[in-house]
Amino acid sequence: MGRVMIKCPNTGKLVFTGVLSAKSMFEKSTIKETKMPKCAACGKDHTWTKEQAILQE
């Protein structure tokens, strides 16, 4: 199981979205715009899409 990560638009740091996924499921997924509450890097809420995310195994 890997952690779905995005780059915080305010700090540029990679942050955990709160979503866990197997690699095969992540690759097949069609994640639409999703809200990530309270970013660990800046404390703000962000929205993200699959295209902005990476899977950290």
N, C-alpha and C. Protein backbone atom coordinates (compact mmCIF):
# COMPACT_ATOMS: atom_id res chain seq x y z
N MET A 1 0.85 -1.17 0.00
CA MET A 1 0.00 0.00 0.00
C MET A 1 0.90 1.23 0.00
N GLY A 2 0.60 2.15 -0.87
CA GLY A 2 1.37 3.38 -0.96
C GLY A 2 0.56 4.59 -0.53
N ARG A 3 1.26 5.68 -0.28
CA ARG A 3 0.60 6.93 0.13
C ARG A 3 0.51 7.85 -1.08
N VAL A 4 -0.67 8.39 -1.32
CA VAL A 4 -0.86 9.34 -2.41
C VAL A 4 -0.42 10.70 -1.90
N MET A 5 0.54 11.29 -2.61
CA MET A 5 1.16 12.54 -2.20
C MET A 5 0.94 13.61 -3.26
N ILE A 6 0.87 14.86 -2.81
CA ILE A 6 0.84 16.00 -3.74
C ILE A 6 1.87 17.02 -3.25
N LYS A 7 2.23 17.92 -4.14
CA LYS A 7 3.12 19.02 -3.76
C LYS A 7 2.26 20.17 -3.26
N CYS A 8 2.54 20.63 -2.05
CA CYS A 8 1.81 21.77 -1.49
C CYS A 8 2.05 22.98 -2.40
N PRO A 9 0.99 23.61 -2.88
CA PRO A 9 1.17 24.75 -3.77
C PRO A 9 1.78 25.98 -3.08
N ASN A 10 1.75 26.01 -1.76
CA ASN A 10 2.30 27.16 -1.03
C ASN A 10 3.76 26.98 -0.63
N THR A 11 4.16 25.74 -0.32
CA THR A 11 5.53 25.50 0.17
C THR A 11 6.37 24.68 -0.80
N GLY A 12 5.72 23.94 -1.70
CA GLY A 12 6.45 23.07 -2.61
C GLY A 12 6.84 21.73 -2.00
N LYS A 13 6.48 21.50 -0.74
CA LYS A 13 6.81 20.24 -0.07
C LYS A 13 5.80 19.17 -0.43
N LEU A 14 6.27 17.91 -0.50
CA LEU A 14 5.35 16.80 -0.71
C LEU A 14 4.59 16.53 0.57
N VAL A 15 3.27 16.37 0.44
CA VAL A 15 2.42 16.12 1.60
C VAL A 15 1.46 14.96 1.30
N PHE A 16 1.14 14.23 2.34
CA PHE A 16 0.24 13.08 2.27
C PHE A 16 -1.20 13.58 2.17
N THR A 17 -1.95 13.06 1.20
CA THR A 17 -3.34 13.48 0.99
C THR A 17 -4.32 12.80 1.93
N GLY A 18 -3.86 11.76 2.61
CA GLY A 18 -4.75 10.97 3.46
C GLY A 18 -5.29 9.75 2.74
N VAL A 19 -4.88 9.58 1.47
CA VAL A 19 -5.36 8.46 0.66
C VAL A 19 -4.25 7.41 0.54
N LEU A 20 -4.61 6.15 0.82
CA LEU A 20 -3.72 5.01 0.62
C LEU A 20 -4.21 4.24 -0.59
N SER A 21 -3.27 3.68 -1.38
CA SER A 21 -3.67 2.94 -2.57
C SER A 21 -2.60 1.95 -2.97
N ALA A 22 -3.04 0.82 -3.51
CA ALA A 22 -2.12 -0.11 -4.14
C ALA A 22 -1.73 0.49 -5.49
N LYS A 23 -0.53 0.19 -5.96
CA LYS A 23 -0.04 0.75 -7.22
C LYS A 23 -0.99 0.46 -8.38
N SER A 24 -1.46 -0.77 -8.48
CA SER A 24 -2.35 -1.14 -9.59
C SER A 24 -3.67 -0.37 -9.54
N MET A 25 -4.18 -0.15 -8.34
CA MET A 25 -5.43 0.60 -8.20
C MET A 25 -5.23 2.09 -8.52
N PHE A 26 -4.11 2.64 -8.08
CA PHE A 26 -3.82 4.05 -8.34
C PHE A 26 -3.69 4.29 -9.84
N GLU A 27 -2.99 3.39 -10.53
CA GLU A 27 -2.80 3.54 -11.97
C GLU A 27 -4.12 3.48 -12.74
N LYS A 28 -5.06 2.67 -12.26
CA LYS A 28 -6.36 2.51 -12.93
C LYS A 28 -7.38 3.57 -12.51
N SER A 29 -7.11 4.25 -11.43
CA SER A 29 -8.10 5.17 -10.87
C SER A 29 -8.34 6.39 -11.76
N THR A 30 -9.52 6.95 -11.59
CA THR A 30 -9.89 8.17 -12.30
C THR A 30 -10.27 9.21 -11.24
N ILE A 31 -9.30 9.59 -10.45
CA ILE A 31 -9.53 10.54 -9.36
C ILE A 31 -9.85 11.91 -9.95
N LYS A 32 -11.01 12.40 -9.62
CA LYS A 32 -11.41 13.75 -10.02
C LYS A 32 -10.88 14.73 -8.98
N GLU A 33 -11.24 15.97 -9.09
CA GLU A 33 -10.79 16.96 -8.12
C GLU A 33 -11.25 16.56 -6.72
N THR A 34 -10.29 16.47 -5.81
CA THR A 34 -10.54 15.99 -4.46
C THR A 34 -10.00 17.01 -3.46
N LYS A 35 -10.71 17.18 -2.38
CA LYS A 35 -10.28 18.14 -1.35
C LYS A 35 -9.42 17.45 -0.31
N MET A 36 -8.32 18.09 0.03
CA MET A 36 -7.45 17.62 1.10
C MET A 36 -7.49 18.66 2.21
N PRO A 37 -8.13 18.35 3.32
CA PRO A 37 -8.22 19.33 4.40
C PRO A 37 -6.90 19.45 5.17
N LYS A 38 -6.61 20.64 5.61
CA LYS A 38 -5.47 20.96 6.47
C LYS A 38 -4.15 20.31 6.05
N CYS A 39 -3.52 20.92 5.11
CA CYS A 39 -2.20 20.50 4.60
C CYS A 39 -1.20 20.48 5.75
N ALA A 40 -0.40 19.42 5.82
CA ALA A 40 0.60 19.30 6.88
C ALA A 40 1.73 20.32 6.73
N ALA A 41 1.92 20.84 5.52
CA ALA A 41 3.01 21.80 5.29
C ALA A 41 2.61 23.24 5.57
N CYS A 42 1.36 23.61 5.24
CA CYS A 42 0.98 25.02 5.38
C CYS A 42 -0.30 25.25 6.19
N GLY A 43 -1.04 24.17 6.48
CA GLY A 43 -2.24 24.30 7.29
C GLY A 43 -3.50 24.70 6.53
N LYS A 44 -3.40 24.89 5.22
CA LYS A 44 -4.56 25.29 4.43
C LYS A 44 -5.18 24.08 3.75
N ASP A 45 -6.43 24.25 3.28
CA ASP A 45 -7.10 23.21 2.52
C ASP A 45 -6.68 23.33 1.05
N HIS A 46 -6.47 22.19 0.39
CA HIS A 46 -6.11 22.17 -1.02
C HIS A 46 -7.04 21.23 -1.77
N THR A 47 -7.21 21.45 -3.05
CA THR A 47 -7.85 20.48 -3.92
C THR A 47 -6.78 19.96 -4.86
N TRP A 48 -6.94 18.69 -5.27
CA TRP A 48 -5.94 18.08 -6.13
C TRP A 48 -6.61 17.10 -7.08
N THR A 49 -5.89 16.75 -8.14
CA THR A 49 -6.34 15.75 -9.11
C THR A 49 -5.28 14.67 -9.23
N LYS A 50 -5.62 13.59 -9.86
CA LYS A 50 -4.67 12.49 -10.04
C LYS A 50 -3.41 12.96 -10.78
N GLU A 51 -3.58 13.85 -11.72
CA GLU A 51 -2.44 14.34 -12.51
C GLU A 51 -1.42 15.07 -11.64
N GLN A 52 -1.84 15.59 -10.51
CA GLN A 52 -0.94 16.30 -9.60
C GLN A 52 -0.33 15.37 -8.56
N ALA A 53 -0.79 14.16 -8.48
CA ALA A 53 -0.41 13.25 -7.41
C ALA A 53 0.66 12.24 -7.84
N ILE A 54 1.39 11.76 -6.84
CA ILE A 54 2.30 10.65 -7.05
C ILE A 54 2.02 9.61 -5.97
N LEU A 55 2.39 8.38 -6.25
CA LEU A 55 2.22 7.31 -5.26
C LEU A 55 3.57 7.03 -4.64
N GLN A 56 3.67 7.23 -3.35
CA GLN A 56 4.92 6.99 -2.62
C GLN A 56 4.79 5.64 -1.95
N GLU A 57 5.59 4.68 -2.44
CA GLU A 57 5.50 3.32 -1.90
C GLU A 57 6.48 3.09 -0.76
